[in-house]
Amino acid sequence: YNKKLSINLSCLLLAGLLVTTKLFSVDSEPAIWDPVTAMQQAIETNPSILEARAQFERQTGVLIHVRSTMLPTAEIVGSANTRDRSLIDTAPSRQTLTPAQQTTTSVSEKSYNVGLEFRQLVFDGFTAFNQYREHKYLKDASYWNLVNVTYRILSLVQQAYDGILMNKAMVEIHRQSVETFRKIALINEKRAAVGDVTSLDGLRVNSELKRAEADLAAAQSALVRSEEEFRKLLQIPVDSANERPVFAEGVLEQRYFLMTPEEALKRAEALQPEIISARKDVHAAKMRVYSAQGNYLPKIDAFAKYNMQSSFYDFDKTLDGWILGIQGRWTLFDSFGREGTVKADKASLRASRIRLEDKRYQIASQVRELYAQMDAIRQSIESQREAVRFGAQSVREGERLYAVGMAGIEILLDAELSLRRSQIDLQARIFENNRFVYELEYVIGTQWVDPFLIKGTVAKSK
């Protein structure tokens, strides 16, 4: 009995522990997201950002390696060997001696040599120095590429967040439309029972009801797609296909961009990460040309070596001391290999400059295009707001007239459909406006956060 009681108590304690762990466990992903939290999550988990960060760290390591070629090196060198007697030569003065007189071997059969060598590059036509400058520019370019990728992902996160809000609003509008048509269908059935309306009115109402239900299903599908897009950007794991967390709450609000086009173009030229990265690539290509031209000049190394070695004649005798010297090498002819390298690097420099100018033109063109689209969409938003206001008044008036028999079902349905279309168009226009704002913030290089400030606060742009 005591054994059974102990087993039952153990099972109860284990079950209680599991329930307690489930109830009080801290979920790593919040149930409700806000833009700042979402952007912080994207910086930590988005694959594109992580890959760009790894490329920057790789370039940092390459720069350290290149810098080491200009600094002193120290290494221990050594050797030990033994030779056959047939390889031991005899001095000419001893070759005339008889075997009895040659009591000792003139040269030791074994030897060793151990040394500590210091070496420093003195001159190489500034090749190493220019290579260091080249890779420093490449490191800067990789950093600004990381910034560009980060800003792009943050822009997409904000667009995806607003897309969820828009699709939620769409679902709610279509749900209200379905409920309204059901009420109209119910009223129409009651009036048809007493002969106030014809069967044609009932068919029209049922047709619009089914269309509204189909539109609601399509809106729900669009909401799921926008949520999954949000998931992919933040790399949120899917624990269950039937349990999706609430991603965003609130209403879709219109955003404004207060900078003038002239200010935006100046800011893009100074701060746009892609332009800055392209400038760094041009400087790196220029240093690559200088480095290739340095191969025409001689290379000189200085070295100092503390050496310990056995005597050439007596293995048991150790000789030690310092060896100081310089070593030079000057390639006079290499079958035009250097000329080919310089020519190729100059072509790369021209290509880098072309890419920079093309990037400047693309950014300026994109800024002008976004401003034109944003101005047009803002005018459309104001018109849509008025359309929603008039549509709501029209629906209220139509319901009143239909209730007293002064208006037919056609007028009420048309008013309801017009209002829903205006509401849907307004949400779509606001989303498009916000998308243009986010694109502008990305294109002109609006500073959100340093890509390595993982836990820092993401500042909202003006």
Protein backbone atom coordinates (compact mmCIF):
# COMPACT_ATOMS: atom_id res chain seq x y z
CA TYR A 1 0.00 0.00 0.00
CA ASN A 2 2.82 2.41 0.86
CA LYS A 3 4.52 1.59 -2.42
CA LYS A 4 1.36 2.36 -4.42
CA LEU A 5 0.84 5.57 -2.47
CA SER A 6 4.42 6.64 -3.18
CA ILE A 7 3.98 5.96 -6.92
CA ASN A 8 0.70 7.89 -7.03
CA LEU A 9 2.22 10.85 -5.19
CA SER A 10 5.18 10.85 -7.57
CA CYS A 11 2.84 10.89 -10.57
CA LEU A 12 0.83 13.75 -9.09
CA LEU A 13 3.99 15.76 -8.38
CA LEU A 14 5.26 15.17 -11.93
CA ALA A 15 1.92 16.20 -13.44
CA GLY A 16 1.82 19.29 -11.25
CA LEU A 17 5.36 20.21 -12.29
CA LEU A 18 4.47 19.88 -15.99
CA VAL A 19 1.33 21.99 -15.59
CA THR A 20 3.21 24.62 -13.61
CA THR A 21 5.96 24.74 -16.22
CA LYS A 22 3.37 25.14 -18.97
CA LEU A 23 1.51 27.89 -17.13
CA PHE A 24 4.51 29.92 -16.06
CA SER A 25 6.85 29.36 -19.00
CA VAL A 26 7.94 32.53 -20.77
CA ASP A 27 7.09 32.44 -24.45
CA SER A 28 9.98 33.63 -26.55
CA GLU A 29 7.71 35.16 -29.18
CA PRO A 30 5.15 37.75 -28.06
CA ALA A 31 1.48 37.16 -28.81
CA ILE A 32 1.07 40.76 -29.98
CA TRP A 33 3.72 42.47 -32.06
CA ASP A 34 4.49 46.15 -32.42
CA PRO A 35 6.74 47.61 -35.14
CA VAL A 36 9.71 48.25 -32.83
CA THR A 37 9.70 44.72 -31.38
CA ALA A 38 9.26 43.25 -34.84
CA MET A 39 12.25 45.16 -36.22
CA GLN A 40 14.43 44.12 -33.28
CA GLN A 41 13.44 40.50 -33.89
CA ALA A 42 14.28 40.83 -37.59
CA ILE A 43 17.76 42.21 -36.79
CA GLU A 44 18.43 39.17 -34.62
CA THR A 45 16.97 36.41 -36.81
CA ASN A 46 16.52 37.45 -40.45
CA PRO A 47 18.79 35.27 -42.67
CA SER A 48 19.68 38.10 -45.08
CA ILE A 49 20.90 40.29 -42.21
CA LEU A 50 22.80 37.43 -40.58
CA GLU A 51 24.48 36.56 -43.89
CA ALA A 52 25.49 40.19 -44.51
CA ARG A 53 26.86 40.40 -40.96
CA ALA A 54 28.90 37.23 -41.52
CA GLN A 55 30.33 38.72 -44.73
CA PHE A 56 31.35 41.84 -42.81
CA GLU A 57 33.04 39.75 -40.12
CA ARG A 58 34.83 37.77 -42.82
CA GLN A 59 36.13 40.97 -44.40
CA THR A 60 37.34 42.10 -40.98
CA GLY A 61 39.38 38.91 -40.71
CA VAL A 62 40.80 39.40 -44.22
CA LEU A 63 41.88 42.93 -43.28
CA ILE A 64 43.72 41.61 -40.20
CA HIS A 65 45.49 39.04 -42.38
CA VAL A 66 46.56 41.65 -44.96
CA ARG A 67 47.80 44.01 -42.26
CA SER A 68 50.02 41.27 -40.85
CA THR A 69 52.09 41.25 -44.06
CA MET A 70 53.42 44.73 -43.20
CA LEU A 71 54.33 43.88 -39.59
CA PRO A 72 57.34 41.97 -38.21
CA THR A 73 57.22 38.20 -38.08
CA ALA A 74 59.03 35.86 -35.71
CA GLU A 75 59.49 32.16 -36.22
CA ILE A 76 61.59 29.31 -34.92
CA VAL A 77 63.42 27.33 -37.59
CA GLY A 78 65.49 24.24 -37.09
CA SER A 79 66.85 21.12 -38.71
CA ALA A 80 68.78 17.97 -37.80
CA ASN A 81 70.36 15.45 -40.15
CA THR A 82 72.84 12.64 -40.53
CA ARG A 83 74.78 11.67 -43.66
CA ASP A 84 76.35 8.57 -45.16
CA ARG A 85 80.12 8.47 -45.02
CA SER A 86 80.10 8.34 -48.81
CA LEU A 87 78.72 11.89 -48.81
CA ILE A 88 81.46 13.26 -46.56
CA ASP A 89 84.13 15.01 -48.56
CA THR A 90 87.77 15.18 -47.45
CA ALA A 91 89.88 18.28 -47.59
CA PRO A 92 92.61 18.18 -50.33
CA SER A 93 95.36 18.48 -47.71
CA ARG A 94 94.21 15.23 -46.08
CA GLN A 95 93.70 13.20 -49.23
CA THR A 96 97.48 12.35 -49.39
CA LEU A 97 97.50 10.84 -45.88
CA THR A 98 97.58 7.11 -45.43
CA PRO A 99 94.60 5.39 -43.75
CA ALA A 100 96.67 4.94 -40.60
CA GLN A 101 97.25 8.68 -40.41
CA GLN A 102 93.51 9.51 -40.90
CA THR A 103 92.55 8.84 -37.30
CA THR A 104 89.52 11.12 -37.29
CA THR A 105 86.84 12.13 -39.72
CA SER A 106 87.36 15.61 -41.07
CA VAL A 107 83.62 16.44 -41.15
CA SER A 108 80.93 15.44 -38.68
CA GLU A 109 78.42 12.90 -39.93
CA LYS A 110 75.59 14.54 -37.91
CA SER A 111 74.49 18.15 -37.51
CA TYR A 112 71.66 20.31 -36.12
CA ASN A 113 70.61 23.92 -36.57
CA VAL A 114 68.05 25.86 -34.45
CA GLY A 115 67.29 29.56 -34.74
CA LEU A 116 64.84 32.33 -33.87
CA GLU A 117 64.32 34.52 -36.93
CA PHE A 118 62.76 38.00 -37.08
CA ARG A 119 61.79 39.39 -40.49
CA GLN A 120 60.41 42.77 -41.51
CA LEU A 121 59.26 44.01 -44.90
CA VAL A 122 61.24 47.13 -45.76
CA PHE A 123 60.05 47.99 -49.25
CA ASP A 124 57.82 46.33 -51.84
CA GLY A 125 56.72 49.23 -54.02
CA PHE A 126 53.95 50.01 -51.48
CA THR A 127 52.14 46.87 -52.63
CA ALA A 128 51.31 45.65 -49.12
CA PHE A 129 50.29 49.13 -47.98
CA ASN A 130 47.93 49.57 -50.93
CA GLN A 131 46.53 46.07 -50.40
CA TYR A 132 45.79 47.02 -46.80
CA ARG A 133 44.01 50.20 -47.94
CA GLU A 134 42.09 48.20 -50.54
CA HIS A 135 40.77 45.72 -47.98
CA LYS A 136 39.99 48.50 -45.52
CA TYR A 137 37.75 50.07 -48.17
CA LEU A 138 36.25 46.63 -48.86
CA LYS A 139 35.55 46.23 -45.16
CA ASP A 140 33.80 49.61 -45.14
CA ALA A 141 31.85 48.59 -48.25
CA SER A 142 30.75 45.33 -46.60
CA TYR A 143 29.63 47.28 -43.52
CA TRP A 144 27.50 49.63 -45.61
CA ASN A 145 26.14 46.64 -47.50
CA LEU A 146 25.12 45.24 -44.10
CA VAL A 147 23.46 48.57 -43.28
CA ASN A 148 21.65 48.53 -46.62
CA VAL A 149 20.39 44.97 -46.13
CA THR A 150 19.27 45.81 -42.60
CA TYR A 151 17.39 48.91 -43.71
CA ARG A 152 15.77 46.97 -46.53
CA ILE A 153 14.56 44.23 -44.19
CA LEU A 154 13.29 46.78 -41.66
CA SER A 155 11.36 48.50 -44.45
CA LEU A 156 9.84 45.17 -45.49
CA VAL A 157 8.96 44.37 -41.87
CA GLN A 158 7.06 47.64 -41.52
CA GLN A 159 5.31 47.03 -44.84
CA ALA A 160 4.36 43.50 -43.76
CA TYR A 161 3.09 44.81 -40.42
CA ASP A 162 0.88 47.37 -42.16
CA GLY A 163 -0.20 44.65 -44.58
CA ILE A 164 -1.53 42.63 -41.65
CA LEU A 165 -3.40 45.66 -40.31
CA MET A 166 -4.85 46.35 -43.77
CA ASN A 167 -5.97 42.76 -44.30
CA LYS A 168 -7.49 42.63 -40.82
CA ALA A 169 -9.46 45.75 -41.68
CA MET A 170 -10.48 44.15 -44.98
CA VAL A 171 -11.71 41.04 -43.17
CA GLU A 172 -13.72 43.17 -40.76
CA ILE A 173 -15.25 45.20 -43.60
CA HIS A 174 -16.28 42.04 -45.47
CA ARG A 175 -17.60 40.50 -42.25
CA GLN A 176 -19.76 43.57 -41.64
CA SER A 177 -20.90 43.37 -45.24
CA VAL A 178 -21.96 39.74 -44.77
CA GLU A 179 -23.84 40.61 -41.57
CA THR A 180 -25.55 43.55 -43.27
CA PHE A 181 -26.67 41.45 -46.24
CA ARG A 182 -27.97 38.78 -43.88
CA LYS A 183 -30.04 41.38 -42.07
CA ILE A 184 -31.32 42.73 -45.39
CA ALA A 185 -32.15 39.16 -46.49
CA LEU A 186 -34.06 38.57 -43.25
CA ILE A 187 -36.01 41.81 -43.65
CA ASN A 188 -36.67 40.98 -47.30
CA GLU A 189 -38.04 37.54 -46.35
CA LYS A 190 -40.45 39.12 -43.87
CA ARG A 191 -41.63 41.65 -46.43
CA ALA A 192 -41.93 38.98 -49.11
CA ALA A 193 -44.17 36.98 -46.78
CA VAL A 194 -46.73 39.79 -46.75
CA GLY A 195 -46.29 40.53 -50.45
CA ASP A 196 -44.45 43.86 -50.19
CA VAL A 197 -41.52 42.75 -52.42
CA THR A 198 -41.06 40.41 -55.35
CA SER A 199 -39.01 37.20 -55.53
CA LEU A 200 -36.53 39.01 -57.77
CA ASP A 201 -35.52 41.20 -54.82
CA GLY A 202 -34.84 38.09 -52.76
CA LEU A 203 -32.67 36.59 -55.48
CA ARG A 204 -30.65 39.81 -55.74
CA VAL A 205 -30.10 39.94 -51.96
CA ASN A 206 -29.04 36.28 -51.79
CA SER A 207 -26.68 36.79 -54.72
CA GLU A 208 -24.98 39.73 -53.01
CA LEU A 209 -24.83 37.77 -49.74
CA LYS A 210 -23.00 34.86 -51.37
CA ARG A 211 -20.65 37.24 -53.12
CA ALA A 212 -19.90 38.94 -49.79
CA GLU A 213 -19.19 35.55 -48.17
CA ALA A 214 -16.79 34.71 -51.01
CA ASP A 215 -15.07 38.08 -50.60
CA LEU A 216 -14.76 37.42 -46.86
CA ALA A 217 -13.06 34.06 -47.51
CA ALA A 218 -10.66 35.72 -49.97
CA ALA A 219 -9.85 38.46 -47.43
CA GLN A 220 -9.16 35.85 -44.74
CA SER A 221 -6.83 34.05 -47.15
CA ALA A 222 -5.00 37.32 -47.86
CA LEU A 223 -4.64 37.88 -44.11
CA VAL A 224 -3.06 34.44 -43.67
CA ARG A 225 -0.61 35.17 -46.50
CA SER A 226 0.41 38.50 -44.97
CA GLU A 227 0.91 36.85 -41.58
CA GLU A 228 3.09 34.16 -43.13
CA GLU A 229 5.13 36.81 -44.94
CA PHE A 230 5.62 38.50 -41.57
CA ARG A 231 6.70 35.14 -40.13
CA LYS A 232 9.31 34.63 -42.84
CA LEU A 233 10.86 38.05 -42.32
CA LEU A 234 11.17 37.46 -38.56
CA GLN A 235 11.90 33.71 -38.85
CA ILE A 236 9.20 32.94 -36.28
CA PRO A 237 9.01 29.16 -35.74
CA VAL A 238 5.69 27.46 -36.40
CA ASP A 239 4.76 25.29 -33.41
CA SER A 240 1.34 24.34 -34.67
CA ALA A 241 -0.41 24.92 -37.96
CA ASN A 242 -3.70 25.48 -36.13
CA GLU A 243 -2.38 27.89 -33.49
CA ARG A 244 -1.12 31.10 -35.03
CA PRO A 245 -0.37 33.97 -32.64
CA VAL A 246 -1.96 37.37 -33.08
CA PHE A 247 0.66 39.32 -34.97
CA ALA A 248 -0.61 42.88 -34.83
CA GLU A 249 -3.35 44.92 -33.24
CA GLY A 250 -4.60 48.40 -33.94
CA VAL A 251 -5.78 50.23 -37.02
CA LEU A 252 -3.92 51.17 -40.16
CA GLU A 253 -2.99 54.84 -39.92
CA GLN A 254 -1.65 57.08 -42.64
CA ARG A 255 2.03 57.98 -42.37
CA TYR A 256 3.55 61.21 -43.60
CA PHE A 257 6.94 62.07 -45.05
CA LEU A 258 7.76 65.71 -44.36
CA MET A 259 11.07 66.07 -46.20
CA THR A 260 11.12 67.98 -49.49
CA PRO A 261 12.37 66.22 -52.65
CA GLU A 262 15.48 68.41 -52.74
CA GLU A 263 16.35 67.57 -49.13
CA ALA A 264 15.68 63.89 -49.80
CA LEU A 265 18.04 63.84 -52.79
CA LYS A 266 20.81 65.52 -50.81
CA ARG A 267 20.33 63.10 -47.95
CA ALA A 268 20.36 60.12 -50.30
CA GLU A 269 23.65 61.28 -51.86
CA ALA A 270 25.21 61.60 -48.40
CA LEU A 271 23.67 58.71 -46.45
CA GLN A 272 22.21 56.12 -48.81
CA PRO A 273 24.06 52.89 -47.90
CA GLU A 274 24.22 51.54 -51.46
CA ILE A 275 25.83 54.76 -52.73
CA ILE A 276 28.32 54.80 -49.85
CA SER A 277 29.17 51.14 -50.46
CA ALA A 278 29.67 51.84 -54.19
CA ARG A 279 32.02 54.73 -53.33
CA LYS A 280 34.07 52.43 -51.11
CA ASP A 281 34.26 49.90 -53.95
CA VAL A 282 35.67 52.61 -56.25
CA HIS A 283 38.37 53.49 -53.70
CA ALA A 284 39.17 49.79 -53.24
CA ALA A 285 39.53 49.31 -57.00
CA LYS A 286 41.86 52.32 -57.15
CA MET A 287 44.07 50.84 -54.43
CA ARG A 288 44.10 47.55 -56.31
CA VAL A 289 45.57 49.34 -59.35
CA TYR A 290 48.25 50.99 -57.20
CA SER A 291 49.08 47.63 -55.65
CA ALA A 292 49.50 46.02 -59.07
CA GLN A 293 51.74 48.86 -60.24
CA GLY A 294 53.95 48.32 -57.19
CA ASN A 295 54.98 44.93 -58.55
CA TYR A 296 57.31 46.72 -60.99
CA LEU A 297 59.56 47.80 -58.08
CA PRO A 298 62.01 45.68 -56.04
CA LYS A 299 61.10 43.98 -52.77
CA ILE A 300 63.46 44.21 -49.80
CA ASP A 301 63.26 42.37 -46.46
CA ALA A 302 65.41 42.85 -43.35
CA PHE A 303 66.01 39.95 -40.99
CA ALA A 304 67.75 39.16 -37.72
CA LYS A 305 68.33 35.60 -36.58
CA TYR A 306 69.74 34.17 -33.39
CA ASN A 307 71.23 30.83 -34.44
CA MET A 308 72.46 27.74 -32.55
CA GLN A 309 74.15 25.01 -34.58
CA SER A 310 76.59 22.15 -34.22
CA SER A 311 80.14 22.50 -35.43
CA PHE A 312 80.79 21.38 -38.97
CA TYR A 313 83.68 19.28 -37.71
CA ASP A 314 82.54 18.33 -34.19
CA PHE A 315 78.92 17.44 -33.46
CA ASP A 316 79.39 17.95 -29.70
CA LYS A 317 80.52 21.55 -30.16
CA THR A 318 77.74 24.19 -30.28
CA LEU A 319 78.09 27.49 -32.11
CA ASP A 320 75.64 30.33 -31.45
CA GLY A 321 75.23 34.01 -32.34
CA TRP A 322 73.31 36.59 -34.34
CA ILE A 323 72.93 36.79 -38.09
CA LEU A 324 71.81 40.16 -39.50
CA GLY A 325 71.07 40.95 -43.11
CA ILE A 326 68.79 42.12 -45.87
CA GLN A 327 67.29 40.21 -48.75
CA GLY A 328 66.11 41.70 -52.03
CA ARG A 329 64.35 40.53 -55.16
CA TRP A 330 63.53 42.46 -58.32
CA THR A 331 61.60 40.81 -61.11
CA LEU A 332 62.78 42.28 -64.41
CA PHE A 333 60.62 40.22 -66.76
CA ASP A 334 57.61 37.99 -66.09
CA SER A 335 56.21 37.48 -69.61
CA PHE A 336 53.98 40.57 -69.28
CA GLY A 337 52.08 39.15 -66.30
CA ARG A 338 52.22 42.47 -64.42
CA GLU A 339 50.97 44.38 -67.45
CA GLY A 340 47.96 42.08 -67.69
CA THR A 341 47.19 42.50 -63.98
CA VAL A 342 47.34 46.30 -64.19
CA LYS A 343 45.13 46.32 -67.28
CA ALA A 344 42.53 44.09 -65.63
CA ASP A 345 42.51 46.17 -62.42
CA LYS A 346 42.08 49.40 -64.38
CA ALA A 347 39.09 47.88 -66.16
CA SER A 348 37.64 46.91 -62.76
CA LEU A 349 38.12 50.50 -61.60
CA ARG A 350 36.19 51.83 -64.60
CA ALA A 351 33.41 49.31 -63.95
CA SER A 352 33.22 50.40 -60.29
CA ARG A 353 32.85 54.04 -61.30
CA ILE A 354 30.13 53.14 -63.79
CA ARG A 355 28.24 51.22 -61.10
CA LEU A 356 28.52 54.19 -58.74
CA GLU A 357 27.11 56.63 -61.29
CA ASP A 358 24.36 54.20 -62.22
CA LYS A 359 23.45 53.74 -58.56
CA ARG A 360 23.27 57.52 -58.07
CA TYR A 361 20.99 57.85 -61.09
CA GLN A 362 18.75 54.98 -59.95
CA ILE A 363 18.39 56.39 -56.44
CA ALA A 364 17.56 59.89 -57.73
CA SER A 365 15.05 58.46 -60.20
CA GLN A 366 13.46 56.30 -57.51
CA VAL A 367 13.13 59.27 -55.14
CA ARG A 368 11.40 61.38 -57.79
CA GLU A 369 9.09 58.51 -58.73
CA LEU A 370 8.14 57.79 -55.11
CA TYR A 371 7.40 61.46 -54.44
CA ALA A 372 5.15 61.65 -57.51
CA GLN A 373 3.29 58.48 -56.50
CA MET A 374 2.98 59.65 -52.91
CA ASP A 375 1.50 63.01 -53.91
CA ALA A 376 -1.06 61.29 -56.13
CA ILE A 377 -2.01 58.72 -53.50
CA ARG A 378 -2.50 61.38 -50.83
CA GLN A 379 -5.00 63.20 -53.02
CA SER A 380 -6.74 59.87 -53.61
CA ILE A 381 -6.86 59.21 -49.84
CA GLU A 382 -8.65 62.49 -49.18
CA SER A 383 -11.18 61.70 -51.90
CA GLN A 384 -11.71 58.20 -50.49
CA ARG A 385 -12.30 59.60 -47.00
CA GLU A 386 -15.03 61.81 -48.41
CA ALA A 387 -16.44 58.84 -50.32
CA VAL A 388 -16.62 56.80 -47.09
CA ARG A 389 -18.35 59.66 -45.29
CA PHE A 390 -20.92 60.12 -48.06
CA GLY A 391 -21.34 56.35 -48.37
CA ALA A 392 -22.14 55.98 -44.67
CA GLN A 393 -24.73 58.75 -44.93
CA SER A 394 -26.19 57.09 -48.03
CA VAL A 395 -26.54 53.73 -46.24
CA ARG A 396 -28.26 55.30 -43.25
CA GLU A 397 -30.66 57.18 -45.50
CA GLY A 398 -31.31 54.08 -47.62
CA GLU A 399 -32.08 51.97 -44.54
CA ARG A 400 -34.52 54.61 -43.32
CA LEU A 401 -36.31 54.88 -46.67
CA TYR A 402 -36.38 51.10 -47.15
CA ALA A 403 -37.87 50.60 -43.68
CA VAL A 404 -40.82 52.90 -44.48
CA GLY A 405 -41.25 51.53 -47.99
CA MET A 406 -40.08 54.64 -49.82
CA ALA A 407 -37.08 52.93 -51.46
CA GLY A 408 -36.56 49.59 -53.13
CA ILE A 409 -34.02 46.90 -52.36
CA GLU A 410 -31.86 48.03 -55.28
CA ILE A 411 -31.19 51.42 -53.70
CA LEU A 412 -30.24 49.89 -50.34
CA LEU A 413 -27.96 47.28 -51.90
CA ASP A 414 -26.25 49.85 -54.11
CA ALA A 415 -25.65 52.12 -51.12
CA GLU A 416 -24.22 49.24 -49.08
CA LEU A 417 -21.95 48.07 -51.91
CA SER A 418 -20.74 51.62 -52.57
CA LEU A 419 -19.82 52.08 -48.90
CA ARG A 420 -17.92 48.79 -48.73
CA ARG A 421 -16.00 49.58 -51.91
CA SER A 422 -15.06 53.00 -50.55
CA GLN A 423 -13.89 51.50 -47.23
CA ILE A 424 -11.83 48.84 -48.99
CA ASP A 425 -10.30 51.36 -51.40
CA LEU A 426 -9.44 53.67 -48.49
CA GLN A 427 -7.56 50.91 -46.67
CA ALA A 428 -5.71 49.98 -49.87
CA ARG A 429 -4.76 53.62 -50.54
CA ILE A 430 -3.48 54.13 -46.99
CA PHE A 431 -1.40 50.97 -47.27
CA GLU A 432 0.05 52.13 -50.60
CA ASN A 433 0.86 55.53 -49.08
CA ASN A 434 2.64 53.92 -46.13
CA ARG A 435 4.53 51.60 -48.47
CA PHE A 436 5.80 54.61 -50.42
CA VAL A 437 6.87 56.26 -47.16
CA TYR A 438 8.78 53.15 -46.04
CA GLU A 439 10.41 52.88 -49.46
CA LEU A 440 11.48 56.53 -49.29
CA GLU A 441 12.91 56.04 -45.82
CA TYR A 442 14.93 53.13 -47.16
CA VAL A 443 15.98 54.78 -50.42
CA ILE A 444 17.28 58.00 -48.87
CA GLY A 445 19.12 56.22 -46.06
CA THR A 446 17.00 57.08 -43.03
CA GLN A 447 18.94 55.96 -39.96
CA TRP A 448 16.98 53.44 -37.90
CA VAL A 449 19.57 51.46 -35.97
CA ASP A 450 23.15 50.28 -36.18
CA PRO A 451 23.07 46.67 -37.44
CA PHE A 452 25.28 45.55 -34.53
CA LEU A 453 23.11 47.26 -31.88
CA ILE A 454 21.10 44.11 -31.50
CA LYS A 455 19.35 44.98 -28.25
CA GLY A 456 19.21 48.72 -28.92
CA THR A 457 16.08 50.77 -29.31
CA VAL A 458 14.89 51.10 -32.88
CA ALA A 459 14.07 54.75 -33.41
CA LYS A 460 11.04 55.53 -35.53
CA SER A 461 11.66 57.79 -38.48
CA LYS A 462 9.98 61.16 -38.69
